[in-house]
C-alpha cells in the first residue's frame, strides 16, 4: 500500500493519471499540457514562468519519489516532465494557437529524438534526470521558435 505522500507524488508525476495511457504516454502528457499553456499564455510571461517553476519543483520531487517507489530510473507513466518542458517551449514562443502547435511538434521532436545535450541530462539521478532532459528539449524547441521569429521567417 502506498503512503499518502507517495500517492500525492504519483498523482503529480502522472498528471492525474494521464501518464497511464496505453499508447504514447509522453505525447499524451504533452497534449494535456496544451490547454494549460494556452490558459497561462493569457496571463503573460510571468504566469508561464511561475507555473514553470512550480511544475519543475513539484515534478522533480514527485518524479524522484515515483522512481524510488517503482525502482525504475525513468518510469514511462511519469509525464510531469513533459509539462515542464512544453511550458518552457511556450514561454519562449509568441502567443497564439499556431505557436502552441509548433511548440508541441518541436518539443516532441527533441524529447523523442534526444539529441545531445538532451540525452546527456538523462543520466542525472532520480527526479533530476527525469526532468532535466525534458527541460533541455523544451529549451531547444523554444530557441528554434525564437530564431524563426527573430529571423523574420514567421
Foldseek 3Di string as FASTA:
>chain_A
DDDPVLVVLLCLQLVNVCLVDPPDSQLSLLVVLLVVLLVQVVVPLVSLVVVLVVLLVSQLVSQLSCCVVVVHFADSSGRSLSNNLLSLLSSLADHDPVSSVQSSVQLVCCLVVVDPPLVVLCPDGGSRNNNVSSNVSSNVNSVVNNVCVVVVVD
